[in-house]
Amino acid sequence: MRPSARLEELGLTLPPVAAPLAAYVPATESCGQIITSGQLPSVDGKPVATGKVGAGVDPDQAAECARVAVLNALAAAASLAGGLDAIRRVVKVVVYVASDPSFTGQPAVANGASELLGQVFADAGAHVRSAVGVTVLPLDVPVEVELTVEAGA
């Protein structure tokens, strides 16, 4: 089954590519790979949550933020690849989690992104990943996601 069909089966659609907040592009292509800029958990240009995980944002809400952010990353990657179905496989995911100093569950938060990629791309969604706790992220969002994918024939 094609990734676009799996996404539709999940009741999801790719959002429009998020406009950059500063002087960068949403994604770039190099040597058959597409690398996205960090994508935020926003819908229609507005963050779906703000705050620190472990202090105001619970881990389940943060995992949902990671899911929203990875959809935004997929939109950016698909815009350069020629559509979602032109993405052959997911290579790497980096998830930044704005964390309370005592919070150590960044990997579980990152699973929000990783599990969605597995549902959409099946075996081609298996990837390497980093889940990194940070002090603060743009617009005070709890999660930011970077994505590297292979595209083309």
C-alpha atoms as a PDB file:
ATOM      1  CA  MET A   1       0.000   0.000   0.000  1.00  0.00           C
ATOM      2  CA  ARG A   2       1.250   3.478  -0.858  1.00  0.00           C
ATOM      3  CA  PRO A   3       2.169   5.875   1.982  1.00  0.00           C
ATOM      4  CA  SER A   4      -0.550   8.311   0.885  1.00  0.00           C
ATOM      5  CA  ALA A   5      -3.166   5.556   1.163  1.00  0.00           C
ATOM      6  CA  ARG A   6      -1.911   4.594   4.625  1.00  0.00           C
ATOM      7  CA  LEU A   7      -2.047   8.231   5.720  1.00  0.00           C
ATOM      8  CA  GLU A   8      -5.606   8.510   4.430  1.00  0.00           C
ATOM      9  CA  GLU A   9      -6.511   5.256   6.195  1.00  0.00           C
ATOM     10  CA  LEU A  10      -5.340   6.877   9.441  1.00  0.00           C
ATOM     11  CA  GLY A  11      -7.712   9.779   8.776  1.00  0.00           C
ATOM     12  CA  LEU A  12      -4.814  12.187   8.225  1.00  0.00           C
ATOM     13  CA  THR A  13      -3.767  14.520   5.445  1.00  0.00           C
ATOM     14  CA  LEU A  14      -0.525  16.385   4.900  1.00  0.00           C
ATOM     15  CA  PRO A  15      -0.867  20.014   5.932  1.00  0.00           C
ATOM     16  CA  PRO A  16       0.412  22.879   3.809  1.00  0.00           C
ATOM     17  CA  VAL A  17       4.154  23.416   4.213  1.00  0.00           C
ATOM     18  CA  ALA A  18       4.726  25.643   7.237  1.00  0.00           C
ATOM     19  CA  ALA A  19       6.201  29.038   6.471  1.00  0.00           C
ATOM     20  CA  PRO A  20       9.699  29.502   7.938  1.00  0.00           C
ATOM     21  CA  LEU A  21       9.947  31.677  11.050  1.00  0.00           C
ATOM     22  CA  ALA A  22      13.312  33.142  10.004  1.00  0.00           C
ATOM     23  CA  ALA A  23      15.953  33.008   7.230  1.00  0.00           C
ATOM     24  CA  TYR A  24      15.879  29.341   6.154  1.00  0.00           C
ATOM     25  CA  VAL A  25      13.944  26.981   3.884  1.00  0.00           C
ATOM     26  CA  PRO A  26      11.581  24.243   5.127  1.00  0.00           C
ATOM     27  CA  ALA A  27      13.576  21.499   3.383  1.00  0.00           C
ATOM     28  CA  THR A  28      16.475  20.947   1.019  1.00  0.00           C
ATOM     29  CA  GLU A  29      17.595  18.084  -1.218  1.00  0.00           C
ATOM     30  CA  SER A  30      21.114  16.692  -1.501  1.00  0.00           C
ATOM     31  CA  CYS A  31      22.311  13.455  -3.112  1.00  0.00           C
ATOM     32  CA  GLY A  32      18.868  11.858  -3.160  1.00  0.00           C
ATOM     33  CA  GLN A  33      18.058  12.756   0.429  1.00  0.00           C
ATOM     34  CA  ILE A  34      15.697  15.425   1.668  1.00  0.00           C
ATOM     35  CA  ILE A  35      16.512  17.055   4.990  1.00  0.00           C
ATOM     36  CA  THR A  36      13.918  19.205   6.712  1.00  0.00           C
ATOM     37  CA  SER A  37      14.446  22.149   8.966  1.00  0.00           C
ATOM     38  CA  GLY A  38      13.070  21.714  12.450  1.00  0.00           C
ATOM     39  CA  GLN A  39       9.294  21.566  12.222  1.00  0.00           C
ATOM     40  CA  LEU A  40       7.033  22.682  15.042  1.00  0.00           C
ATOM     41  CA  PRO A  41       3.754  21.188  16.262  1.00  0.00           C
ATOM     42  CA  SER A  42       1.551  23.800  14.637  1.00  0.00           C
ATOM     43  CA  VAL A  43      -1.754  23.721  12.817  1.00  0.00           C
ATOM     44  CA  ASP A  44      -2.702  26.657  10.591  1.00  0.00           C
ATOM     45  CA  GLY A  45       0.382  28.517  11.846  1.00  0.00           C
ATOM     46  CA  LYS A  46      -0.546  28.225  15.532  1.00  0.00           C
ATOM     47  CA  PRO A  47       1.211  25.997  18.087  1.00  0.00           C
ATOM     48  CA  VAL A  48      -0.991  23.155  19.363  1.00  0.00           C
ATOM     49  CA  ALA A  49       0.689  23.428  22.791  1.00  0.00           C
ATOM     50  CA  THR A  50       3.272  25.501  24.617  1.00  0.00           C
ATOM     51  CA  GLY A  51       5.392  24.911  27.668  1.00  0.00           C
ATOM     52  CA  LYS A  52       7.858  22.389  29.053  1.00  0.00           C
ATOM     53  CA  VAL A  53       7.311  18.656  29.167  1.00  0.00           C
ATOM     54  CA  GLY A  54       7.146  17.551  32.772  1.00  0.00           C
ATOM     55  CA  ALA A  55       6.007  21.013  33.919  1.00  0.00           C
ATOM     56  CA  GLY A  56       2.698  21.936  32.326  1.00  0.00           C
ATOM     57  CA  VAL A  57       2.807  19.632  29.299  1.00  0.00           C
ATOM     58  CA  ASP A  58       2.316  15.949  30.023  1.00  0.00           C
ATOM     59  CA  PRO A  59       4.257  13.303  28.072  1.00  0.00           C
ATOM     60  CA  ASP A  60       1.185  12.041  26.175  1.00  0.00           C
ATOM     61  CA  GLN A  61       0.369  15.570  25.005  1.00  0.00           C
ATOM     62  CA  ALA A  62       4.020  16.013  23.995  1.00  0.00           C
ATOM     63  CA  ALA A  63       3.948  12.741  22.009  1.00  0.00           C
ATOM     64  CA  GLU A  64       0.904  14.082  20.147  1.00  0.00           C
ATOM     65  CA  CYS A  65       2.887  17.283  19.478  1.00  0.00           C
ATOM     66  CA  ALA A  66       5.670  15.134  18.001  1.00  0.00           C
ATOM     67  CA  ARG A  67       3.087  13.488  15.748  1.00  0.00           C
ATOM     68  CA  VAL A  68       1.836  16.887  14.526  1.00  0.00           C
ATOM     69  CA  ALA A  69       5.403  18.125  14.003  1.00  0.00           C
ATOM     70  CA  VAL A  70       6.399  15.050  11.981  1.00  0.00           C
ATOM     71  CA  LEU A  71       3.333  15.559   9.752  1.00  0.00           C
ATOM     72  CA  ASN A  72       4.636  19.077   9.104  1.00  0.00           C
ATOM     73  CA  ALA A  73       8.080  17.621   8.363  1.00  0.00           C
ATOM     74  CA  LEU A  74       6.553  15.095   5.956  1.00  0.00           C
ATOM     75  CA  ALA A  75       4.733  17.925   4.176  1.00  0.00           C
ATOM     76  CA  ALA A  76       8.019  19.803   3.718  1.00  0.00           C
ATOM     77  CA  ALA A  77       9.821  16.679   2.494  1.00  0.00           C
ATOM     78  CA  ALA A  78       6.976  15.658   0.163  1.00  0.00           C
ATOM     79  CA  SER A  79       6.925  19.135  -1.386  1.00  0.00           C
ATOM     80  CA  LEU A  80      10.465  18.554  -2.691  1.00  0.00           C
ATOM     81  CA  ALA A  81      10.125  14.820  -3.384  1.00  0.00           C
ATOM     82  CA  GLY A  82       7.151  15.196  -5.710  1.00  0.00           C
ATOM     83  CA  GLY A  83       4.597  13.924  -3.210  1.00  0.00           C
ATOM     84  CA  LEU A  84       4.453  11.596  -0.241  1.00  0.00           C
ATOM     85  CA  ASP A  85       4.590   8.484  -2.425  1.00  0.00           C
ATOM     86  CA  ALA A  86       7.940   9.593  -3.879  1.00  0.00           C
ATOM     87  CA  ILE A  87       9.531   9.196  -0.434  1.00  0.00           C
ATOM     88  CA  ARG A  88      11.232   5.775  -0.501  1.00  0.00           C
ATOM     89  CA  ARG A  89      12.274   5.532   3.111  1.00  0.00           C
ATOM     90  CA  VAL A  90      12.789   7.416   6.322  1.00  0.00           C
ATOM     91  CA  VAL A  91      16.472   7.665   7.260  1.00  0.00           C
ATOM     92  CA  LYS A  92      16.717   9.732  10.447  1.00  0.00           C
ATOM     93  CA  VAL A  93      14.507  11.584  12.891  1.00  0.00           C
ATOM     94  CA  VAL A  94      15.694  14.090  15.484  1.00  0.00           C
ATOM     95  CA  VAL A  95      13.188  15.109  18.149  1.00  0.00           C
ATOM     96  CA  TYR A  96      13.953  18.027  20.448  1.00  0.00           C
ATOM     97  CA  VAL A  97      11.890  18.084  23.642  1.00  0.00           C
ATOM     98  CA  ALA A  98      11.665  21.262  25.740  1.00  0.00           C
ATOM     99  CA  SER A  99      11.956  19.594  29.126  1.00  0.00           C
ATOM    100  CA  ASP A 100      11.657  20.395  32.777  1.00  0.00           C
ATOM    101  CA  PRO A 101      15.091  19.615  34.299  1.00  0.00           C
ATOM    102  CA  SER A 102      13.685  16.536  36.065  1.00  0.00           C
ATOM    103  CA  PHE A 103      12.014  15.082  32.937  1.00  0.00           C
ATOM    104  CA  THR A 104      13.881  12.142  31.364  1.00  0.00           C
ATOM    105  CA  GLY A 105      11.206  10.602  29.123  1.00  0.00           C
ATOM    106  CA  GLN A 106      12.297  12.181  25.833  1.00  0.00           C
ATOM    107  CA  PRO A 107      12.364   8.803  23.994  1.00  0.00           C
ATOM    108  CA  ALA A 108       8.684   8.173  24.797  1.00  0.00           C
ATOM    109  CA  VAL A 109       7.789  11.647  23.508  1.00  0.00           C
ATOM    110  CA  ALA A 110       9.743  10.981  20.299  1.00  0.00           C
ATOM    111  CA  ASN A 111       7.731   7.797  19.790  1.00  0.00           C
ATOM    112  CA  GLY A 112       4.819  10.024  18.747  1.00  0.00           C
ATOM    113  CA  ALA A 113       6.765  10.839  15.581  1.00  0.00           C
ATOM    114  CA  SER A 114       8.408   7.440  15.100  1.00  0.00           C
ATOM    115  CA  GLU A 115       5.232   5.424  15.447  1.00  0.00           C
ATOM    116  CA  LEU A 116       3.393   7.567  12.898  1.00  0.00           C
ATOM    117  CA  LEU A 117       6.261   7.149  10.426  1.00  0.00           C
ATOM    118  CA  GLY A 118       6.048   3.387  10.912  1.00  0.00           C
ATOM    119  CA  GLN A 119       2.303   3.431  10.273  1.00  0.00           C
ATOM    120  CA  VAL A 120       2.696   5.496   7.092  1.00  0.00           C
ATOM    121  CA  PHE A 121       5.806   3.871   5.601  1.00  0.00           C
ATOM    122  CA  ALA A 122       5.710   0.348   7.131  1.00  0.00           C
ATOM    123  CA  ASP A 123       9.215  -1.217   6.928  1.00  0.00           C
ATOM    124  CA  ALA A 124      10.500   1.813   5.000  1.00  0.00           C
ATOM    125  CA  GLY A 125       9.641   3.900   8.066  1.00  0.00           C
ATOM    126  CA  ALA A 126      12.269   2.224  10.280  1.00  0.00           C
ATOM    127  CA  HIS A 127      14.856   4.884  11.074  1.00  0.00           C
ATOM    128  CA  VAL A 128      17.664   5.984  13.339  1.00  0.00           C
ATOM    129  CA  ARG A 129      16.700   8.612  15.877  1.00  0.00           C
ATOM    130  CA  SER A 130      17.856  11.045  18.510  1.00  0.00           C
ATOM    131  CA  ALA A 131      15.580  12.332  21.269  1.00  0.00           C
ATOM    132  CA  VAL A 132      17.165  15.378  22.882  1.00  0.00           C
ATOM    133  CA  GLY A 133      16.042  17.335  25.930  1.00  0.00           C
ATOM    134  CA  VAL A 134      16.513  21.088  25.586  1.00  0.00           C
ATOM    135  CA  THR A 135      15.756  24.153  27.694  1.00  0.00           C
ATOM    136  CA  VAL A 136      13.496  26.018  25.278  1.00  0.00           C
ATOM    137  CA  LEU A 137      12.252  25.824  21.678  1.00  0.00           C
ATOM    138  CA  PRO A 138      10.885  28.488  19.285  1.00  0.00           C
ATOM    139  CA  LEU A 139       7.508  29.931  20.280  1.00  0.00           C
ATOM    140  CA  ASP A 140       7.791  27.975  23.563  1.00  0.00           C
ATOM    141  CA  VAL A 141       6.549  24.789  21.856  1.00  0.00           C
ATOM    142  CA  PRO A 142       7.324  21.522  23.656  1.00  0.00           C
ATOM    143  CA  VAL A 143       8.645  19.611  20.620  1.00  0.00           C
ATOM    144  CA  GLU A 144      10.521  20.215  17.363  1.00  0.00           C
ATOM    145  CA  VAL A 145      11.192  17.508  14.745  1.00  0.00           C
ATOM    146  CA  GLU A 146      13.819  17.226  11.975  1.00  0.00           C
ATOM    147  CA  LEU A 147      13.465  14.550   9.307  1.00  0.00           C
ATOM    148  CA  THR A 148      15.815  13.027   6.722  1.00  0.00           C
ATOM    149  CA  VAL A 149      14.293  10.856   3.981  1.00  0.00           C
ATOM    150  CA  GLU A 150      15.364   9.205   0.728  1.00  0.00           C
ATOM    151  CA  ALA A 151      13.390  10.198  -2.330  1.00  0.00           C
ATOM    152  CA  GLY A 152      13.274   9.317  -6.002  1.00  0.00           C
ATOM    153  CA  ALA A 153      13.090   6.222  -8.134  1.00  0.00           C
END
